[in-house]
Amino acid sequence: MSTYKCLKCSYKCKLFNDMTRHLTKTTSCSKSLEGYNYTEEELLKLSLLPYYDEKQNIDINLLKNKNKFNILLFS
C-alpha cells in the first residue's frame, strides 16, 4: 500500500487527494529540519510521489534537472 509524506512538515496520509488538499491549503505548513535540504519546488514534487514499504524510489538528480516542471494540482 502506498502512503504520502509532506517533506516540508512530515504530514503523512494514505490518499493522494489528502496530500493535494494539504499542499494547497491557504496557510502553509511550517518547515521541519528535513525540509531545508530542498527547494520549494522539490518539496512539492517529492511530497506528491508515493512511498511503497516506507521507501520512495526516485532519482533525486531528475528533480534537480534544469528543466522546470509545472505541476497542476487542479484541472
PDB file of N, CA and C in Angstrom:
ATOM      1  N   MET A   1       0.842  -1.173   0.000  1.00  0.00           N
ATOM      2  CA  MET A   1       0.000   0.000   0.000  1.00  0.00           C
ATOM      3  C   MET A   1       0.888   1.237   0.000  1.00  0.00           C
ATOM      4  N   SER A   2       0.481   2.226  -0.738  1.00  0.00           N
ATOM      5  CA  SER A   2       1.269   3.451  -0.835  1.00  0.00           C
ATOM      6  C   SER A   2       0.816   4.476   0.205  1.00  0.00           C
ATOM      7  N   THR A   3       1.759   5.301   0.612  1.00  0.00           N
ATOM      8  CA  THR A   3       1.478   6.413   1.509  1.00  0.00           C
ATOM      9  C   THR A   3       2.161   7.652   0.943  1.00  0.00           C
ATOM     10  N   TYR A   4       1.768   8.803   1.443  1.00  0.00           N
ATOM     11  CA  TYR A   4       2.343  10.075   1.017  1.00  0.00           C
ATOM     12  C   TYR A   4       2.833  10.817   2.251  1.00  0.00           C
ATOM     13  N   LYS A   5       3.922  11.577   2.077  1.00  0.00           N
ATOM     14  CA  LYS A   5       4.504  12.317   3.193  1.00  0.00           C
ATOM     15  C   LYS A   5       4.906  13.705   2.709  1.00  0.00           C
ATOM     16  N   CYS A   6       4.437  14.721   3.391  1.00  0.00           N
ATOM     17  CA  CYS A   6       4.853  16.090   3.099  1.00  0.00           C
ATOM     18  C   CYS A   6       6.252  16.257   3.686  1.00  0.00           C
ATOM     19  N   LEU A   7       7.236  16.485   2.838  1.00  0.00           N
ATOM     20  CA  LEU A   7       8.608  16.626   3.329  1.00  0.00           C
ATOM     21  C   LEU A   7       8.845  17.969   4.008  1.00  0.00           C
ATOM     22  N   LYS A   8       7.910  18.860   3.849  1.00  0.00           N
ATOM     23  CA  LYS A   8       8.055  20.159   4.492  1.00  0.00           C
ATOM     24  C   LYS A   8       7.729  20.071   5.982  1.00  0.00           C
ATOM     25  N   CYS A   9       6.658  19.327   6.321  1.00  0.00           N
ATOM     26  CA  CYS A   9       6.244  19.283   7.728  1.00  0.00           C
ATOM     27  C   CYS A   9       6.081  17.869   8.277  1.00  0.00           C
ATOM     28  N   SER A  10       6.339  16.849   7.459  1.00  0.00           N
ATOM     29  CA  SER A  10       6.246  15.434   7.852  1.00  0.00           C
ATOM     30  C   SER A  10       4.815  14.949   8.047  1.00  0.00           C
ATOM     31  N   TYR A  11       3.839  15.621   7.462  1.00  0.00           N
ATOM     32  CA  TYR A  11       2.448  15.159   7.481  1.00  0.00           C
ATOM     33  C   TYR A  11       2.350  13.897   6.640  1.00  0.00           C
ATOM     34  N   LYS A  12       1.676  12.861   7.148  1.00  0.00           N
ATOM     35  CA  LYS A  12       1.540  11.592   6.432  1.00  0.00           C
ATOM     36  C   LYS A  12       0.069  11.298   6.179  1.00  0.00           C
ATOM     37  N   CYS A  13      -0.205  10.715   5.002  1.00  0.00           N
ATOM     38  CA  CYS A  13      -1.567  10.309   4.665  1.00  0.00           C
ATOM     39  C   CYS A  13      -1.508   9.148   3.688  1.00  0.00           C
ATOM     40  N   LYS A  14      -2.656   8.529   3.452  1.00  0.00           N
ATOM     41  CA  LYS A  14      -2.717   7.376   2.562  1.00  0.00           C
ATOM     42  C   LYS A  14      -3.271   7.714   1.182  1.00  0.00           C
ATOM     43  N   LEU A  15      -3.959   8.817   1.058  1.00  0.00           N
ATOM     44  CA  LEU A  15      -4.604   9.173  -0.205  1.00  0.00           C
ATOM     45  C   LEU A  15      -3.936  10.378  -0.862  1.00  0.00           C
ATOM     46  N   PHE A  16      -3.809  10.299  -2.188  1.00  0.00           N
ATOM     47  CA  PHE A  16      -3.235  11.394  -2.957  1.00  0.00           C
ATOM     48  C   PHE A  16      -4.061  12.672  -2.784  1.00  0.00           C
ATOM     49  N   ASN A  17      -5.378  12.533  -2.761  1.00  0.00           N
ATOM     50  CA  ASN A  17      -6.250  13.705  -2.599  1.00  0.00           C
ATOM     51  C   ASN A  17      -6.020  14.412  -1.270  1.00  0.00           C
ATOM     52  N   ASP A  18      -5.753  13.653  -0.233  1.00  0.00           N
ATOM     53  CA  ASP A  18      -5.454  14.264   1.071  1.00  0.00           C
ATOM     54  C   ASP A  18      -4.163  15.081   1.003  1.00  0.00           C
ATOM     55  N   MET A  19      -3.170  14.574   0.283  1.00  0.00           N
ATOM     56  CA  MET A  19      -1.909  15.304   0.165  1.00  0.00           C
ATOM     57  C   MET A  19      -2.088  16.570  -0.663  1.00  0.00           C
ATOM     58  N   THR A  20      -2.836  16.495  -1.763  1.00  0.00           N
ATOM     59  CA  THR A  20      -3.052  17.700  -2.565  1.00  0.00           C
ATOM     60  C   THR A  20      -3.829  18.744  -1.768  1.00  0.00           C
ATOM     61  N   ARG A  21      -4.779  18.306  -0.968  1.00  0.00           N
ATOM     62  CA  ARG A  21      -5.528  19.234  -0.114  1.00  0.00           C
ATOM     63  C   ARG A  21      -4.594  19.879   0.913  1.00  0.00           C
ATOM     64  N   HIS A  22      -3.705  19.097   1.475  1.00  0.00           N
ATOM     65  CA  HIS A  22      -2.747  19.612   2.455  1.00  0.00           C
ATOM     66  C   HIS A  22      -1.809  20.644   1.814  1.00  0.00           C
ATOM     67  N   LEU A  23      -1.337  20.353   0.602  1.00  0.00           N
ATOM     68  CA  LEU A  23      -0.384  21.248  -0.061  1.00  0.00           C
ATOM     69  C   LEU A  23      -1.015  22.526  -0.602  1.00  0.00           C
ATOM     70  N   THR A  24      -2.318  22.524  -0.826  1.00  0.00           N
ATOM     71  CA  THR A  24      -2.971  23.701  -1.401  1.00  0.00           C
ATOM     72  C   THR A  24      -3.768  24.512  -0.388  1.00  0.00           C
ATOM     73  N   LYS A  25      -3.679  24.192   0.875  1.00  0.00           N
ATOM     74  CA  LYS A  25      -4.403  24.989   1.867  1.00  0.00           C
ATOM     75  C   LYS A  25      -3.807  26.396   1.940  1.00  0.00           C
ATOM     76  N   THR A  26      -4.590  27.331   2.395  1.00  0.00           N
ATOM     77  CA  THR A  26      -4.180  28.739   2.351  1.00  0.00           C
ATOM     78  C   THR A  26      -3.018  29.040   3.295  1.00  0.00           C
ATOM     79  N   THR A  27      -2.984  28.407   4.455  1.00  0.00           N
ATOM     80  CA  THR A  27      -1.855  28.623   5.361  1.00  0.00           C
ATOM     81  C   THR A  27      -0.831  27.518   5.140  1.00  0.00           C
ATOM     82  N   SER A  28       0.356  27.893   4.814  1.00  0.00           N
ATOM     83  CA  SER A  28       1.422  26.939   4.518  1.00  0.00           C
ATOM     84  C   SER A  28       1.894  26.269   5.803  1.00  0.00           C
ATOM     85  N   CYS A  29       2.284  25.021   5.683  1.00  0.00           N
ATOM     86  CA  CYS A  29       2.792  24.297   6.853  1.00  0.00           C
ATOM     87  C   CYS A  29       4.213  24.773   7.172  1.00  0.00           C
ATOM     88  N   SER A  30       4.601  24.595   8.411  1.00  0.00           N
ATOM     89  CA  SER A  30       5.936  25.039   8.823  1.00  0.00           C
ATOM     90  C   SER A  30       6.979  24.012   8.413  1.00  0.00           C
ATOM     91  N   LYS A  31       8.169  24.478   8.114  1.00  0.00           N
ATOM     92  CA  LYS A  31       9.237  23.598   7.638  1.00  0.00           C
ATOM     93  C   LYS A  31       9.897  22.864   8.792  1.00  0.00           C
ATOM     94  N   SER A  32      10.065  21.562   8.597  1.00  0.00           N
ATOM     95  CA  SER A  32      10.844  20.773   9.552  1.00  0.00           C
ATOM     96  C   SER A  32      12.306  20.825   9.115  1.00  0.00           C
ATOM     97  N   LEU A  33      13.180  20.265   9.903  1.00  0.00           N
ATOM     98  CA  LEU A  33      14.607  20.277   9.568  1.00  0.00           C
ATOM     99  C   LEU A  33      14.880  19.567   8.252  1.00  0.00           C
ATOM    100  N   GLU A  34      14.150  18.504   7.965  1.00  0.00           N
ATOM    101  CA  GLU A  34      14.326  17.750   6.727  1.00  0.00           C
ATOM    102  C   GLU A  34      13.975  18.597   5.498  1.00  0.00           C
ATOM    103  N   GLY A  35      13.051  19.529   5.647  1.00  0.00           N
ATOM    104  CA  GLY A  35      12.601  20.354   4.533  1.00  0.00           C
ATOM    105  C   GLY A  35      13.608  21.379   4.053  1.00  0.00           C
ATOM    106  N   TYR A  36      14.586  21.729   4.856  1.00  0.00           N
ATOM    107  CA  TYR A  36      15.570  22.745   4.469  1.00  0.00           C
ATOM    108  C   TYR A  36      16.607  22.227   3.466  1.00  0.00           C
ATOM    109  N   ASN A  37      16.608  20.923   3.208  1.00  0.00           N
ATOM    110  CA  ASN A  37      17.548  20.353   2.248  1.00  0.00           C
ATOM    111  C   ASN A  37      17.093  20.517   0.802  1.00  0.00           C
ATOM    112  N   TYR A  38      15.849  20.946   0.592  1.00  0.00           N
ATOM    113  CA  TYR A  38      15.265  21.008  -0.742  1.00  0.00           C
ATOM    114  C   TYR A  38      14.677  22.388  -1.008  1.00  0.00           C
ATOM    115  N   THR A  39      14.521  22.713  -2.293  1.00  0.00           N
ATOM    116  CA  THR A  39      13.829  23.945  -2.675  1.00  0.00           C
ATOM    117  C   THR A  39      12.325  23.717  -2.539  1.00  0.00           C
ATOM    118  N   GLU A  40      11.541  24.780  -2.649  1.00  0.00           N
ATOM    119  CA  GLU A  40      10.090  24.665  -2.539  1.00  0.00           C
ATOM    120  C   GLU A  40       9.521  23.779  -3.647  1.00  0.00           C
ATOM    121  N   GLU A  41      10.065  23.900  -4.853  1.00  0.00           N
ATOM    122  CA  GLU A  41       9.593  23.093  -5.972  1.00  0.00           C
ATOM    123  C   GLU A  41       9.904  21.614  -5.743  1.00  0.00           C
ATOM    124  N   GLU A  42      11.091  21.319  -5.230  1.00  0.00           N
ATOM    125  CA  GLU A  42      11.457  19.936  -4.947  1.00  0.00           C
ATOM    126  C   GLU A  42      10.600  19.357  -3.826  1.00  0.00           C
ATOM    127  N   LEU A  43      10.292  20.165  -2.820  1.00  0.00           N
ATOM    128  CA  LEU A  43       9.427  19.704  -1.735  1.00  0.00           C
ATOM    129  C   LEU A  43       8.049  19.319  -2.265  1.00  0.00           C
ATOM    130  N   LEU A  44       7.515  20.133  -3.161  1.00  0.00           N
ATOM    131  CA  LEU A  44       6.204  19.854  -3.741  1.00  0.00           C
ATOM    132  C   LEU A  44       6.237  18.553  -4.541  1.00  0.00           C
ATOM    133  N   LYS A  45       7.236  18.397  -5.383  1.00  0.00           N
ATOM    134  CA  LYS A  45       7.351  17.186  -6.211  1.00  0.00           C
ATOM    135  C   LYS A  45       7.519  15.934  -5.357  1.00  0.00           C
ATOM    136  N   LEU A  46       8.401  15.996  -4.383  1.00  0.00           N
ATOM    137  CA  LEU A  46       8.660  14.832  -3.538  1.00  0.00           C
ATOM    138  C   LEU A  46       7.460  14.464  -2.672  1.00  0.00           C
ATOM    139  N   SER A  47       6.689  15.466  -2.279  1.00  0.00           N
ATOM    140  CA  SER A  47       5.517  15.198  -1.457  1.00  0.00           C
ATOM    141  C   SER A  47       4.408  14.516  -2.248  1.00  0.00           C
ATOM    142  N   LEU A  48       4.389  14.712  -3.554  1.00  0.00           N
ATOM    143  CA  LEU A  48       3.345  14.106  -4.382  1.00  0.00           C
ATOM    144  C   LEU A  48       3.708  12.718  -4.897  1.00  0.00           C
ATOM    145  N   LEU A  49       4.938  12.293  -4.657  1.00  0.00           N
ATOM    146  CA  LEU A  49       5.352  10.950  -5.058  1.00  0.00           C
ATOM    147  C   LEU A  49       5.101   9.973  -3.911  1.00  0.00           C
ATOM    148  N   PRO A  50       4.511   8.807  -4.211  1.00  0.00           N
ATOM    149  CA  PRO A  50       4.161   7.871  -3.126  1.00  0.00           C
ATOM    150  C   PRO A  50       5.354   7.104  -2.577  1.00  0.00           C
ATOM    151  N   TYR A  51       5.195   6.659  -1.352  1.00  0.00           N
ATOM    152  CA  TYR A  51       6.135   5.759  -0.686  1.00  0.00           C
ATOM    153  C   TYR A  51       5.541   4.353  -0.735  1.00  0.00           C
ATOM    154  N   TYR A  52       6.363   3.386  -1.080  1.00  0.00           N
ATOM    155  CA  TYR A  52       5.970   1.986  -1.037  1.00  0.00           C
ATOM    156  C   TYR A  52       6.895   1.288  -0.056  1.00  0.00           C
ATOM    157  N   ASP A  53       6.330   0.657   0.949  1.00  0.00           N
ATOM    158  CA  ASP A  53       7.106  -0.013   2.002  1.00  0.00           C
ATOM    159  C   ASP A  53       8.118   0.942   2.636  1.00  0.00           C
ATOM    160  N   GLU A  54       7.668   2.145   2.954  1.00  0.00           N
ATOM    161  CA  GLU A  54       8.483   3.179   3.602  1.00  0.00           C
ATOM    162  C   GLU A  54       9.661   3.653   2.759  1.00  0.00           C
ATOM    163  N   LYS A  55       9.659   3.392   1.439  1.00  0.00           N
ATOM    164  CA  LYS A  55      10.738   3.846   0.560  1.00  0.00           C
ATOM    165  C   LYS A  55      10.150   4.587  -0.625  1.00  0.00           C
ATOM    166  N   GLN A  56      10.839   5.628  -1.035  1.00  0.00           N
ATOM    167  CA  GLN A  56      10.440   6.412  -2.198  1.00  0.00           C
ATOM    168  C   GLN A  56      11.516   6.212  -3.262  1.00  0.00           C
ATOM    169  N   ASN A  57      11.205   5.410  -4.259  1.00  0.00           N
ATOM    170  CA  ASN A  57      12.184   5.054  -5.283  1.00  0.00           C
ATOM    171  C   ASN A  57      12.200   6.108  -6.390  1.00  0.00           C
ATOM    172  N   ILE A  58      13.076   7.094  -6.244  1.00  0.00           N
ATOM    173  CA  ILE A  58      13.222   8.141  -7.253  1.00  0.00           C
ATOM    174  C   ILE A  58      14.692   8.480  -7.397  1.00  0.00           C
ATOM    175  N   ASP A  59      15.005   9.134  -8.484  1.00  0.00           N
ATOM    176  CA  ASP A  59      16.350   9.642  -8.697  1.00  0.00           C
ATOM    177  C   ASP A  59      16.313  11.139  -8.418  1.00  0.00           C
ATOM    178  N   ILE A  60      16.929  11.582  -7.345  1.00  0.00           N
ATOM    179  CA  ILE A  60      16.887  12.990  -6.943  1.00  0.00           C
ATOM    180  C   ILE A  60      17.501  13.899  -7.993  1.00  0.00           C
ATOM    181  N   ASN A  61      18.407  13.373  -8.817  1.00  0.00           N
ATOM    182  CA  ASN A  61      19.018  14.184  -9.866  1.00  0.00           C
ATOM    183  C   ASN A  61      18.008  14.584 -10.929  1.00  0.00           C
ATOM    184  N   LEU A  62      16.971  13.780 -11.129  1.00  0.00           N
ATOM    185  CA  LEU A  62      15.925  14.151 -12.075  1.00  0.00           C
ATOM    186  C   LEU A  62      15.172  15.391 -11.601  1.00  0.00           C
ATOM    187  N   LEU A  63      15.011  15.527 -10.299  1.00  0.00           N
ATOM    188  CA  LEU A  63      14.303  16.689  -9.754  1.00  0.00           C
ATOM    189  C   LEU A  63      15.145  17.956  -9.845  1.00  0.00           C
ATOM    190  N   LYS A  64      16.447  17.794  -9.817  1.00  0.00           N
ATOM    191  CA  LYS A  64      17.333  18.954  -9.865  1.00  0.00           C
ATOM    192  C   LYS A  64      17.722  19.324 -11.287  1.00  0.00           C
ATOM    193  N   ASN A  65      17.082  18.682 -12.265  1.00  0.00           N
ATOM    194  CA  ASN A  65      17.333  18.964 -13.665  1.00  0.00           C
ATOM    195  C   ASN A  65      16.996  20.426 -13.963  1.00  0.00           C
ATOM    196  N   LYS A  66      17.634  20.998 -14.945  1.00  0.00           N
ATOM    197  CA  LYS A  66      17.405  22.404 -15.274  1.00  0.00           C
ATOM    198  C   LYS A  66      16.027  22.652 -15.855  1.00  0.00           C
ATOM    199  N   ASN A  67      15.361  21.606 -16.354  1.00  0.00           N
ATOM    200  CA  ASN A  67      14.009  21.767 -16.885  1.00  0.00           C
ATOM    201  C   ASN A  67      13.051  22.025 -15.743  1.00  0.00           C
ATOM    202  N   LYS A  68      12.212  23.005 -15.907  1.00  0.00           N
ATOM    203  CA  LYS A  68      11.214  23.321 -14.895  1.00  0.00           C
ATOM    204  C   LYS A  68       9.927  22.594 -15.239  1.00  0.00           C
ATOM    205  N   PHE A  69       9.340  21.972 -14.232  1.00  0.00           N
ATOM    206  CA  PHE A  69       8.086  21.269 -14.419  1.00  0.00           C
ATOM    207  C   PHE A  69       6.971  22.081 -13.785  1.00  0.00           C
ATOM    208  N   ASN A  70       5.845  22.131 -14.435  1.00  0.00           N
ATOM    209  CA  ASN A  70       4.665  22.763 -13.879  1.00  0.00           C
ATOM    210  C   ASN A  70       3.736  21.682 -13.400  1.00  0.00           C
ATOM    211  N   ILE A  71       3.445  21.683 -12.139  1.00  0.00           N
ATOM    212  CA  ILE A  71       2.547  20.683 -11.567  1.00  0.00           C
ATOM    213  C   ILE A  71       1.218  21.367 -11.312  1.00  0.00           C
ATOM    214  N   LEU A  72       0.192  20.880 -11.968  1.00  0.00           N
ATOM    215  CA  LEU A  72      -1.141  21.402 -11.765  1.00  0.00           C
ATOM    216  C   LEU A  72      -1.882  20.483 -10.803  1.00  0.00           C
ATOM    217  N   LEU A  73      -2.277  21.016  -9.679  1.00  0.00           N
ATOM    218  CA  LEU A  73      -2.963  20.192  -8.694  1.00  0.00           C
ATOM    219  C   LEU A  73      -4.438  20.071  -9.009  1.00  0.00           C
ATOM    220  N   PHE A  74      -4.991  21.051  -9.683  1.00  0.00           N
ATOM    221  CA  PHE A  74      -6.407  21.019 -10.033  1.00  0.00           C
ATOM    222  C   PHE A  74      -6.550  21.266 -11.530  1.00  0.00           C
ATOM    223  N   SER A  75      -7.464  20.566 -12.146  1.00  0.00           N
ATOM    224  CA  SER A  75      -7.689  20.745 -13.583  1.00  0.00           C
ATOM    225  C   SER A  75      -8.668  21.875 -13.833  1.00  0.00           C
TER     226      SER A  75
END
